[in-house]
Amino acid sequence: MTEELMLAGCLKNNAAAQEALYNRFSPRMLGVCYRFAKNREDAEDMLQEGFIKIFTQMHQYRNEGALEGWIRRIIVHTCINNLKKHKKFSDSLDIIHAHSVYINEEMIPSIMQAKQVVECIRMLPLGYRTVLNLYAIEGFPHKDIAGMLDIEESTSRSQYTRAKAMLEEILIRKKIIQKPKERIRLAASGTQG
């Protein structure tokens, strides 16, 4: 079924069109939900809630941009709203640890390790994980993240900085990446950088 037929059918509450849309986009959107959720069951709940919103808001889609992008935005906002109901993000702030951190962006693992990286991201505290997902993966600016999560923009920035540092530590500990040589040398000599 083409996207146009799915859209037309969904606007008429046609079950076959809704099922086709769900089957086409739900696997990728479950991946989005999984990055925000504590476990698979929570991710599936977020996905179901998101698709209910998609079907009820389908009349708002204006064919401006990709349908998948529109669906993704609804799913991301559904995940955020779900998390906001259960946890205050400002409680996750660990400002003492949000010192300047050296992160070498070239250390990002290859696509072969993507599943391991997602699992490591899920090990981060809720606030850090959420800000990292929204900023680094979904591409939202810190100002928008602050508005979504009802936190200060500086809190979003510091949580992102700390999330990157904690993620790097986890990836090194799990031997997914290696400690950068410069930091190994500095650590061995006892010099601070």
N, C-alpha and C. Protein backbone atom coordinates (compact mmCIF):
# COMPACT_ATOMS: atom_id res chain seq x y z
N MET A 1 0.86 -1.18 0.00
CA MET A 1 0.00 0.00 0.00
C MET A 1 0.90 1.24 0.00
N THR A 2 0.60 2.18 -0.86
CA THR A 2 1.41 3.40 -0.94
C THR A 2 1.14 4.29 0.27
N GLU A 3 2.06 5.21 0.50
CA GLU A 3 1.89 6.15 1.61
C GLU A 3 0.61 6.97 1.45
N GLU A 4 0.33 7.39 0.22
CA GLU A 4 -0.87 8.19 -0.04
C GLU A 4 -2.13 7.42 0.31
N LEU A 5 -2.18 6.13 -0.07
CA LEU A 5 -3.35 5.30 0.24
C LEU A 5 -3.47 5.08 1.75
N MET A 6 -2.33 4.86 2.40
CA MET A 6 -2.36 4.68 3.86
C MET A 6 -2.91 5.93 4.53
N LEU A 7 -2.40 7.09 4.11
CA LEU A 7 -2.85 8.35 4.70
C LEU A 7 -4.35 8.56 4.49
N ALA A 8 -4.79 8.36 3.27
CA ALA A 8 -6.21 8.54 2.96
C ALA A 8 -7.06 7.59 3.80
N GLY A 9 -6.62 6.33 3.89
CA GLY A 9 -7.35 5.35 4.67
C GLY A 9 -7.35 5.67 6.16
N CYS A 10 -6.23 6.12 6.68
CA CYS A 10 -6.14 6.47 8.10
C CYS A 10 -7.06 7.64 8.43
N LEU A 11 -7.17 8.59 7.50
CA LEU A 11 -8.05 9.74 7.71
C LEU A 11 -9.52 9.31 7.79
N LYS A 12 -9.83 8.16 7.17
CA LYS A 12 -11.19 7.62 7.21
C LYS A 12 -11.34 6.54 8.28
N ASN A 13 -10.32 6.41 9.15
CA ASN A 13 -10.31 5.39 10.21
C ASN A 13 -10.42 3.98 9.65
N ASN A 14 -9.83 3.75 8.48
CA ASN A 14 -9.82 2.43 7.86
C ASN A 14 -8.80 1.55 8.57
N ALA A 15 -9.26 0.43 9.14
CA ALA A 15 -8.40 -0.44 9.95
C ALA A 15 -7.25 -1.02 9.14
N ALA A 16 -7.49 -1.38 7.88
CA ALA A 16 -6.44 -1.95 7.04
C ALA A 16 -5.34 -0.93 6.78
N ALA A 17 -5.71 0.32 6.53
CA ALA A 17 -4.73 1.38 6.30
C ALA A 17 -3.94 1.66 7.58
N GLN A 18 -4.63 1.67 8.72
CA GLN A 18 -3.95 1.90 10.00
C GLN A 18 -2.97 0.77 10.28
N GLU A 19 -3.38 -0.46 10.00
CA GLU A 19 -2.48 -1.60 10.22
C GLU A 19 -1.26 -1.52 9.30
N ALA A 20 -1.48 -1.12 8.05
CA ALA A 20 -0.37 -0.99 7.10
C ALA A 20 0.61 0.08 7.56
N LEU A 21 0.09 1.22 8.01
CA LEU A 21 0.95 2.30 8.51
C LEU A 21 1.74 1.82 9.74
N TYR A 22 1.05 1.18 10.64
CA TYR A 22 1.69 0.66 11.86
C TYR A 22 2.78 -0.34 11.49
N ASN A 23 2.47 -1.27 10.61
CA ASN A 23 3.46 -2.29 10.22
C ASN A 23 4.67 -1.69 9.53
N ARG A 24 4.47 -0.62 8.79
CA ARG A 24 5.58 -0.01 8.07
C ARG A 24 6.51 0.76 9.02
N PHE A 25 5.94 1.49 9.97
CA PHE A 25 6.75 2.39 10.79
C PHE A 25 7.03 1.90 12.21
N SER A 26 6.27 0.97 12.73
CA SER A 26 6.44 0.58 14.13
C SER A 26 7.80 -0.03 14.47
N PRO A 27 8.42 -0.83 13.59
CA PRO A 27 9.73 -1.37 13.99
C PRO A 27 10.77 -0.28 14.27
N ARG A 28 10.85 0.74 13.40
CA ARG A 28 11.81 1.82 13.62
C ARG A 28 11.42 2.67 14.82
N MET A 29 10.12 2.90 14.99
CA MET A 29 9.67 3.73 16.11
C MET A 29 9.83 3.00 17.45
N LEU A 30 9.75 1.67 17.44
CA LEU A 30 10.01 0.91 18.67
C LEU A 30 11.46 1.13 19.10
N GLY A 31 12.36 1.20 18.13
CA GLY A 31 13.76 1.51 18.44
C GLY A 31 13.91 2.86 19.11
N VAL A 32 13.15 3.85 18.64
CA VAL A 32 13.17 5.18 19.25
C VAL A 32 12.67 5.08 20.69
N CYS A 33 11.54 4.41 20.88
CA CYS A 33 10.96 4.27 22.22
C CYS A 33 11.91 3.53 23.15
N TYR A 34 12.55 2.51 22.63
CA TYR A 34 13.44 1.69 23.45
C TYR A 34 14.60 2.50 24.02
N ARG A 35 15.07 3.50 23.28
CA ARG A 35 16.16 4.33 23.78
C ARG A 35 15.74 5.16 24.98
N PHE A 36 14.46 5.49 25.09
CA PHE A 36 13.96 6.30 26.19
C PHE A 36 13.43 5.47 27.36
N ALA A 37 13.01 4.25 27.09
CA ALA A 37 12.31 3.43 28.08
C ALA A 37 13.27 2.66 28.99
N LYS A 38 12.74 2.23 30.14
CA LYS A 38 13.51 1.40 31.06
C LYS A 38 13.66 -0.02 30.53
N ASN A 39 12.63 -0.52 29.86
CA ASN A 39 12.65 -1.90 29.38
C ASN A 39 11.76 -2.01 28.14
N ARG A 40 11.74 -3.20 27.56
CA ARG A 40 10.98 -3.41 26.32
C ARG A 40 9.48 -3.18 26.52
N GLU A 41 8.95 -3.60 27.66
CA GLU A 41 7.52 -3.43 27.91
C GLU A 41 7.15 -1.95 27.94
N ASP A 42 7.96 -1.14 28.61
CA ASP A 42 7.71 0.30 28.64
C ASP A 42 7.81 0.89 27.23
N ALA A 43 8.78 0.42 26.45
CA ALA A 43 8.95 0.90 25.09
C ALA A 43 7.72 0.56 24.25
N GLU A 44 7.21 -0.65 24.42
CA GLU A 44 6.02 -1.06 23.67
C GLU A 44 4.80 -0.24 24.08
N ASP A 45 4.69 0.07 25.38
CA ASP A 45 3.59 0.93 25.84
C ASP A 45 3.69 2.32 25.22
N MET A 46 4.92 2.88 25.19
CA MET A 46 5.12 4.19 24.58
C MET A 46 4.76 4.16 23.10
N LEU A 47 5.15 3.08 22.43
CA LEU A 47 4.86 2.93 21.01
C LEU A 47 3.36 2.91 20.77
N GLN A 48 2.64 2.12 21.56
CA GLN A 48 1.18 2.03 21.39
C GLN A 48 0.52 3.39 21.64
N GLU A 49 0.94 4.05 22.70
CA GLU A 49 0.39 5.37 23.01
C GLU A 49 0.69 6.35 21.88
N GLY A 50 1.91 6.27 21.36
CA GLY A 50 2.30 7.15 20.26
C GLY A 50 1.47 6.92 19.01
N PHE A 51 1.22 5.65 18.67
CA PHE A 51 0.44 5.39 17.47
C PHE A 51 -1.03 5.77 17.65
N ILE A 52 -1.54 5.69 18.85
CA ILE A 52 -2.90 6.19 19.10
C ILE A 52 -2.94 7.69 18.78
N LYS A 53 -1.92 8.42 19.24
CA LYS A 53 -1.86 9.86 18.94
C LYS A 53 -1.71 10.10 17.45
N ILE A 54 -0.89 9.29 16.81
CA ILE A 54 -0.69 9.44 15.36
C ILE A 54 -2.02 9.28 14.63
N PHE A 55 -2.78 8.25 14.97
CA PHE A 55 -4.05 8.02 14.28
C PHE A 55 -5.07 9.10 14.60
N THR A 56 -5.06 9.61 15.82
CA THR A 56 -6.03 10.66 16.16
C THR A 56 -5.62 12.03 15.63
N GLN A 57 -4.32 12.22 15.35
CA GLN A 57 -3.83 13.51 14.86
C GLN A 57 -3.49 13.49 13.38
N MET A 58 -3.82 12.40 12.70
CA MET A 58 -3.45 12.25 11.29
C MET A 58 -3.94 13.42 10.44
N HIS A 59 -5.05 14.02 10.80
CA HIS A 59 -5.58 15.16 10.04
C HIS A 59 -4.65 16.37 10.11
N GLN A 60 -3.71 16.38 11.07
CA GLN A 60 -2.78 17.50 11.20
C GLN A 60 -1.56 17.37 10.28
N TYR A 61 -1.34 16.17 9.73
CA TYR A 61 -0.21 15.99 8.82
C TYR A 61 -0.50 16.73 7.52
N ARG A 62 0.41 17.61 7.11
CA ARG A 62 0.18 18.50 5.97
C ARG A 62 1.02 18.15 4.73
N ASN A 63 1.59 16.96 4.69
CA ASN A 63 2.46 16.55 3.57
C ASN A 63 3.64 17.50 3.40
N GLU A 64 4.05 18.13 4.49
CA GLU A 64 5.23 18.99 4.47
C GLU A 64 6.34 18.22 5.16
N GLY A 65 7.25 17.71 4.38
CA GLY A 65 8.29 16.86 4.95
C GLY A 65 7.85 15.41 4.93
N ALA A 66 8.75 14.55 5.36
CA ALA A 66 8.51 13.12 5.32
C ALA A 66 7.50 12.70 6.38
N LEU A 67 6.64 11.77 6.01
CA LEU A 67 5.67 11.22 6.96
C LEU A 67 6.41 10.58 8.13
N GLU A 68 7.50 9.88 7.85
CA GLU A 68 8.24 9.23 8.93
C GLU A 68 8.77 10.26 9.93
N GLY A 69 9.20 11.40 9.47
CA GLY A 69 9.67 12.46 10.37
C GLY A 69 8.55 12.97 11.27
N TRP A 70 7.37 13.13 10.69
CA TRP A 70 6.20 13.58 11.46
C TRP A 70 5.85 12.54 12.52
N ILE A 71 5.84 11.28 12.11
CA ILE A 71 5.54 10.19 13.04
C ILE A 71 6.59 10.15 14.15
N ARG A 72 7.85 10.29 13.78
CA ARG A 72 8.94 10.24 14.76
C ARG A 72 8.79 11.34 15.80
N ARG A 73 8.44 12.56 15.36
CA ARG A 73 8.26 13.66 16.32
C ARG A 73 7.16 13.33 17.34
N ILE A 74 6.07 12.76 16.87
CA ILE A 74 4.99 12.39 17.79
C ILE A 74 5.47 11.31 18.75
N ILE A 75 6.19 10.34 18.25
CA ILE A 75 6.70 9.26 19.11
C ILE A 75 7.66 9.82 20.15
N VAL A 76 8.58 10.68 19.75
CA VAL A 76 9.54 11.27 20.69
C VAL A 76 8.80 12.07 21.76
N HIS A 77 7.86 12.90 21.36
CA HIS A 77 7.10 13.69 22.34
C HIS A 77 6.27 12.80 23.25
N THR A 78 5.76 11.70 22.73
CA THR A 78 5.02 10.74 23.56
C THR A 78 5.95 10.14 24.61
N CYS A 79 7.14 9.77 24.20
CA CYS A 79 8.13 9.21 25.14
C CYS A 79 8.47 10.23 26.22
N ILE A 80 8.72 11.47 25.82
CA ILE A 80 9.07 12.51 26.78
C ILE A 80 7.92 12.75 27.76
N ASN A 81 6.70 12.85 27.25
CA ASN A 81 5.55 13.06 28.13
C ASN A 81 5.37 11.90 29.09
N ASN A 82 5.62 10.70 28.61
CA ASN A 82 5.53 9.52 29.47
C ASN A 82 6.57 9.58 30.58
N LEU A 83 7.79 9.94 30.23
CA LEU A 83 8.85 10.03 31.23
C LEU A 83 8.59 11.17 32.22
N LYS A 84 8.05 12.28 31.72
CA LYS A 84 7.76 13.41 32.60
C LYS A 84 6.72 13.05 33.64
N LYS A 85 5.78 12.19 33.29
CA LYS A 85 4.75 11.77 34.24
C LYS A 85 5.35 10.99 35.41
N HIS A 86 6.46 10.32 35.16
CA HIS A 86 7.00 9.40 36.15
C HIS A 86 8.27 9.88 36.85
N LYS A 87 8.91 10.93 36.34
CA LYS A 87 10.19 11.33 36.92
C LYS A 87 10.46 12.79 36.63
N LYS A 88 10.97 13.50 37.60
CA LYS A 88 11.40 14.88 37.36
C LYS A 88 12.84 14.86 36.87
N PHE A 89 13.10 15.50 35.74
CA PHE A 89 14.44 15.45 35.16
C PHE A 89 15.44 16.27 35.94
N SER A 90 14.99 17.31 36.59
CA SER A 90 15.94 18.11 37.36
C SER A 90 16.49 17.31 38.54
N ASP A 91 15.78 16.26 38.98
CA ASP A 91 16.29 15.41 40.05
C ASP A 91 17.52 14.63 39.61
N SER A 92 17.71 14.46 38.31
CA SER A 92 18.82 13.67 37.80
C SER A 92 20.10 14.48 37.65
N LEU A 93 20.04 15.76 37.88
CA LEU A 93 21.21 16.60 37.67
C LEU A 93 22.29 16.31 38.68
N ASP A 94 23.47 16.10 38.19
CA ASP A 94 24.63 15.83 39.02
C ASP A 94 25.67 16.87 38.65
N ILE A 95 25.42 18.11 39.02
CA ILE A 95 26.22 19.24 38.56
C ILE A 95 27.66 19.16 39.05
N ILE A 96 27.88 18.51 40.18
CA ILE A 96 29.24 18.37 40.70
C ILE A 96 30.12 17.61 39.71
N HIS A 97 29.52 16.64 39.02
CA HIS A 97 30.29 15.82 38.08
C HIS A 97 30.30 16.37 36.67
N ALA A 98 29.63 17.48 36.45
CA ALA A 98 29.52 18.01 35.09
C ALA A 98 30.68 18.95 34.78
N HIS A 99 31.87 18.55 35.20
CA HIS A 99 33.06 19.36 34.92
C HIS A 99 33.45 19.19 33.47
N SER A 100 34.40 19.97 33.03
CA SER A 100 34.80 19.86 31.63
C SER A 100 35.41 18.48 31.40
N VAL A 101 34.97 17.88 30.32
CA VAL A 101 35.36 16.50 30.01
C VAL A 101 35.91 16.48 28.59
N TYR A 102 37.01 15.78 28.42
CA TYR A 102 37.58 15.63 27.10
C TYR A 102 36.89 14.45 26.41
N ILE A 103 36.20 14.70 25.32
CA ILE A 103 35.56 13.65 24.55
C ILE A 103 36.07 13.75 23.12
N ASN A 104 36.64 12.68 22.64
CA ASN A 104 37.12 12.62 21.28
C ASN A 104 36.00 12.03 20.42
N GLU A 105 35.37 12.85 19.60
CA GLU A 105 34.24 12.40 18.81
C GLU A 105 34.62 11.28 17.83
N GLU A 106 35.91 11.14 17.51
CA GLU A 106 36.34 10.09 16.60
C GLU A 106 36.27 8.71 17.25
N MET A 107 36.04 8.67 18.57
CA MET A 107 35.99 7.39 19.26
C MET A 107 34.65 6.70 19.10
N ILE A 108 33.70 7.34 18.47
CA ILE A 108 32.38 6.74 18.34
C ILE A 108 32.52 5.41 17.59
N PRO A 109 31.99 4.35 18.17
CA PRO A 109 32.15 3.02 17.58
C PRO A 109 31.46 2.88 16.23
N SER A 110 31.86 1.85 15.51
CA SER A 110 31.28 1.60 14.20
C SER A 110 29.84 1.10 14.32
N ILE A 111 29.17 1.04 13.20
CA ILE A 111 27.78 0.61 13.16
C ILE A 111 27.62 -0.83 13.65
N MET A 112 28.69 -1.62 13.55
CA MET A 112 28.64 -3.01 14.01
C MET A 112 28.37 -3.09 15.51
N GLN A 113 28.71 -2.05 16.23
CA GLN A 113 28.55 -2.05 17.67
C GLN A 113 27.33 -1.25 18.12
N ALA A 114 26.47 -0.89 17.19
CA ALA A 114 25.34 0.00 17.51
C ALA A 114 24.45 -0.58 18.60
N LYS A 115 24.16 -1.86 18.54
CA LYS A 115 23.29 -2.45 19.55
C LYS A 115 23.94 -2.37 20.93
N GLN A 116 25.24 -2.61 21.01
CA GLN A 116 25.95 -2.51 22.29
C GLN A 116 25.92 -1.08 22.81
N VAL A 117 26.06 -0.13 21.92
CA VAL A 117 26.05 1.27 22.32
C VAL A 117 24.67 1.65 22.87
N VAL A 118 23.61 1.20 22.20
CA VAL A 118 22.25 1.48 22.68
C VAL A 118 22.08 0.91 24.08
N GLU A 119 22.56 -0.30 24.29
CA GLU A 119 22.46 -0.91 25.63
C GLU A 119 23.25 -0.09 26.66
N CYS A 120 24.39 0.43 26.26
CA CYS A 120 25.18 1.26 27.18
C CYS A 120 24.47 2.58 27.46
N ILE A 121 23.84 3.17 26.45
CA ILE A 121 23.09 4.41 26.66
C ILE A 121 21.97 4.16 27.66
N ARG A 122 21.35 3.00 27.58
CA ARG A 122 20.26 2.66 28.49
C ARG A 122 20.73 2.51 29.93
N MET A 123 22.02 2.39 30.14
CA MET A 123 22.57 2.27 31.50
C MET A 123 22.71 3.65 32.17
N LEU A 124 22.61 4.72 31.39
CA LEU A 124 22.75 6.07 31.93
C LEU A 124 21.53 6.41 32.79
N PRO A 125 21.71 7.29 33.79
CA PRO A 125 20.56 7.76 34.56
C PRO A 125 19.54 8.40 33.63
N LEU A 126 18.29 8.39 34.03
CA LEU A 126 17.18 8.84 33.20
C LEU A 126 17.41 10.22 32.57
N GLY A 127 17.78 11.21 33.36
CA GLY A 127 17.96 12.55 32.83
C GLY A 127 19.07 12.61 31.79
N TYR A 128 20.19 11.99 32.09
CA TYR A 128 21.31 11.98 31.15
C TYR A 128 20.93 11.26 29.86
N ARG A 129 20.31 10.09 29.99
CA ARG A 129 19.92 9.29 28.83
C ARG A 129 18.95 10.07 27.95
N THR A 130 17.99 10.73 28.57
CA THR A 130 16.97 11.46 27.82
C THR A 130 17.58 12.63 27.06
N VAL A 131 18.42 13.41 27.73
CA VAL A 131 19.05 14.57 27.08
C VAL A 131 19.98 14.09 25.97
N LEU A 132 20.76 13.04 26.21
CA LEU A 132 21.65 12.50 25.18
C LEU A 132 20.85 12.07 23.96
N ASN A 133 19.77 11.35 24.17
CA ASN A 133 18.92 10.91 23.06
C ASN A 133 18.36 12.10 22.28
N LEU A 134 17.83 13.07 23.01
CA LEU A 134 17.20 14.21 22.34
C LEU A 134 18.21 15.07 21.59
N TYR A 135 19.39 15.30 22.18
CA TYR A 135 20.37 16.18 21.56
C TYR A 135 21.20 15.46 20.49
N ALA A 136 21.84 14.36 20.87
CA ALA A 136 22.79 13.71 19.97
C ALA A 136 22.12 12.85 18.91
N ILE A 137 20.99 12.25 19.24
CA ILE A 137 20.38 11.33 18.30
C ILE A 137 19.20 11.97 17.55
N GLU A 138 18.33 12.65 18.28
CA GLU A 138 17.16 13.25 17.64
C GLU A 138 17.46 14.64 17.07
N GLY A 139 18.53 15.29 17.52
CA GLY A 139 18.95 16.56 16.95
C GLY A 139 18.26 17.80 17.48
N PHE A 140 17.62 17.70 18.63
CA PHE A 140 16.98 18.88 19.22
C PHE A 140 18.04 19.78 19.85
N PRO A 141 17.89 21.11 19.73
CA PRO A 141 18.82 22.01 20.42
C PRO A 141 18.50 22.03 21.92
N HIS A 142 19.48 22.42 22.74
CA HIS A 142 19.32 22.43 24.19
C HIS A 142 18.14 23.31 24.63
N LYS A 143 17.91 24.40 23.92
CA LYS A 143 16.79 25.28 24.28
C LYS A 143 15.46 24.53 24.17
N ASP A 144 15.29 23.76 23.10
CA ASP A 144 14.06 22.98 22.92
C ASP A 144 13.95 21.86 23.95
N ILE A 145 15.08 21.22 24.24
CA ILE A 145 15.09 20.14 25.23
C ILE A 145 14.67 20.69 26.59
N ALA A 146 15.21 21.86 26.93
CA ALA A 146 14.86 22.49 28.21
C ALA A 146 13.35 22.72 28.29
N GLY A 147 12.77 23.19 27.21
CA GLY A 147 11.33 23.42 27.19
C GLY A 147 10.53 22.12 27.31
N MET A 148 10.98 21.09 26.61
CA MET A 148 10.28 19.80 26.65
C MET A 148 10.30 19.18 28.04
N LEU A 149 11.44 19.31 28.71
CA LEU A 149 11.63 18.62 29.98
C LEU A 149 11.38 19.52 31.20
N ASP A 150 11.03 20.78 30.95
CA ASP A 150 10.82 21.74 32.04
C ASP A 150 12.06 21.87 32.92
N ILE A 151 13.21 22.04 32.26
CA ILE A 151 14.47 22.24 32.97
C ILE A 151 15.14 23.47 32.37
N GLU A 152 16.20 23.95 33.00
CA GLU A 152 16.97 25.07 32.47
C GLU A 152 17.82 24.59 31.29
N GLU A 153 18.10 25.49 30.36
CA GLU A 153 18.97 25.15 29.23
C GLU A 153 20.35 24.71 29.73
N SER A 154 20.85 25.37 30.78
CA SER A 154 22.16 24.99 31.34
C SER A 154 22.12 23.58 31.93
N THR A 155 20.98 23.18 32.45
CA THR A 155 20.83 21.83 32.98
C THR A 155 20.90 20.82 31.84
N SER A 156 20.26 21.14 30.72
CA SER A 156 20.32 20.27 29.56
C SER A 156 21.76 20.12 29.09
N ARG A 157 22.47 21.23 29.02
CA ARG A 157 23.87 21.19 28.57
C ARG A 157 24.75 20.37 29.52
N SER A 158 24.59 20.60 30.82
CA SER A 158 25.43 19.88 31.77
C SER A 158 25.08 18.40 31.80
N GLN A 159 23.80 18.06 31.66
CA GLN A 159 23.43 16.64 31.63
C GLN A 159 23.99 15.98 30.37
N TYR A 160 24.00 16.70 29.25
CA TYR A 160 24.56 16.15 28.03
C TYR A 160 26.07 15.91 28.19
N THR A 161 26.76 16.89 28.77
CA THR A 161 28.20 16.75 28.98
C THR A 161 28.49 15.54 29.87
N ARG A 162 27.75 15.44 30.96
CA ARG A 162 27.96 14.32 31.88
C ARG A 162 27.56 13.00 31.23
N ALA A 163 26.49 13.00 30.44
CA ALA A 163 26.06 11.78 29.76
C ALA A 163 27.15 11.27 28.82
N LYS A 164 27.78 12.19 28.08
CA LYS A 164 28.87 11.77 27.18
C LYS A 164 30.02 11.17 27.96
N ALA A 165 30.37 11.81 29.09
CA ALA A 165 31.48 11.30 29.90
C ALA A 165 31.14 9.93 30.48
N MET A 166 29.93 9.79 31.02
CA MET A 166 29.54 8.51 31.60
C MET A 166 29.45 7.44 30.52
N LEU A 167 28.93 7.79 29.35
CA LEU A 167 28.84 6.83 28.27
C LEU A 167 30.23 6.38 27.84
N GLU A 168 31.15 7.32 27.76
CA GLU A 168 32.52 6.96 27.41
C GLU A 168 33.09 5.98 28.43
N GLU A 169 32.87 6.25 29.72
CA GLU A 169 33.36 5.35 30.77
C GLU A 169 32.77 3.95 30.63
N ILE A 170 31.49 3.88 30.36
CA ILE A 170 30.82 2.58 30.19
C ILE A 170 31.37 1.85 28.97
N LEU A 171 31.52 2.57 27.85
CA LEU A 171 32.03 1.96 26.63
C LEU A 171 33.46 1.45 26.81
N ILE A 172 34.27 2.18 27.56
CA ILE A 172 35.63 1.73 27.84
C ILE A 172 35.60 0.51 28.75
N ARG A 173 34.79 0.57 29.80
CA ARG A 173 34.69 -0.55 30.74
C ARG A 173 34.22 -1.83 30.04
N LYS A 174 33.32 -1.70 29.09
CA LYS A 174 32.80 -2.86 28.36
C LYS A 174 33.68 -3.23 27.16
N LYS A 175 34.80 -2.52 27.03
CA LYS A 175 35.78 -2.75 25.97
C LYS A 175 35.20 -2.60 24.56
N ILE A 176 34.24 -1.67 24.43
CA ILE A 176 33.68 -1.35 23.13
C ILE A 176 34.56 -0.31 22.44
N ILE A 177 35.13 0.58 23.25
CA ILE A 177 36.12 1.53 22.75
C ILE A 177 37.33 1.46 23.69
N GLN A 178 38.44 2.03 23.22
CA GLN A 178 39.65 2.08 24.05
C GLN A 178 39.82 3.49 24.59
N LYS A 179 40.46 3.55 25.75
CA LYS A 179 40.77 4.85 26.33
C LYS A 179 41.71 5.58 25.37
N PRO A 180 41.46 6.86 25.10
CA PRO A 180 42.34 7.61 24.20
C PRO A 180 43.78 7.62 24.72
N LYS A 181 44.72 7.50 23.81
CA LYS A 181 46.14 7.42 24.19
C LYS A 181 46.60 8.61 25.01
N GLU A 182 46.17 9.83 24.64
CA GLU A 182 46.58 11.03 25.36
C GLU A 182 46.15 10.94 26.82
N ARG A 183 44.94 10.47 27.07
CA ARG A 183 44.45 10.37 28.45
C ARG A 183 45.16 9.25 29.20
N ILE A 184 45.51 8.18 28.50
CA ILE A 184 46.25 7.10 29.15
C ILE A 184 47.60 7.63 29.60
N ARG A 185 48.27 8.38 28.71
CA ARG A 185 49.58 8.94 29.03
C ARG A 185 49.47 9.91 30.21
N LEU A 186 48.45 10.77 30.19
CA LEU A 186 48.27 11.74 31.28
C LEU A 186 47.96 11.02 32.59
N ALA A 187 47.14 9.99 32.54
CA ALA A 187 46.80 9.24 33.75
C ALA A 187 48.03 8.54 34.31
N ALA A 188 48.87 8.02 33.45
CA ALA A 188 50.06 7.31 33.89
C ALA A 188 51.07 8.27 34.52
N SER A 189 51.12 9.49 34.02
CA SER A 189 52.09 10.45 34.56
C SER A 189 51.52 11.23 35.74
N GLY A 190 50.22 11.10 35.96
CA GLY A 190 49.58 11.81 37.08
C GLY A 190 49.31 13.27 36.77
N THR A 191 49.45 13.67 35.50
CA THR A 191 49.24 15.05 35.08
C THR A 191 47.77 15.28 34.77
N GLN A 192 47.26 16.41 35.14
CA GLN A 192 45.87 16.77 34.80
C GLN A 192 45.89 17.58 33.52
N GLY A 193 44.86 17.36 32.62
CA GLY A 193 44.85 18.08 31.34
C GLY A 193 43.89 19.16 31.26
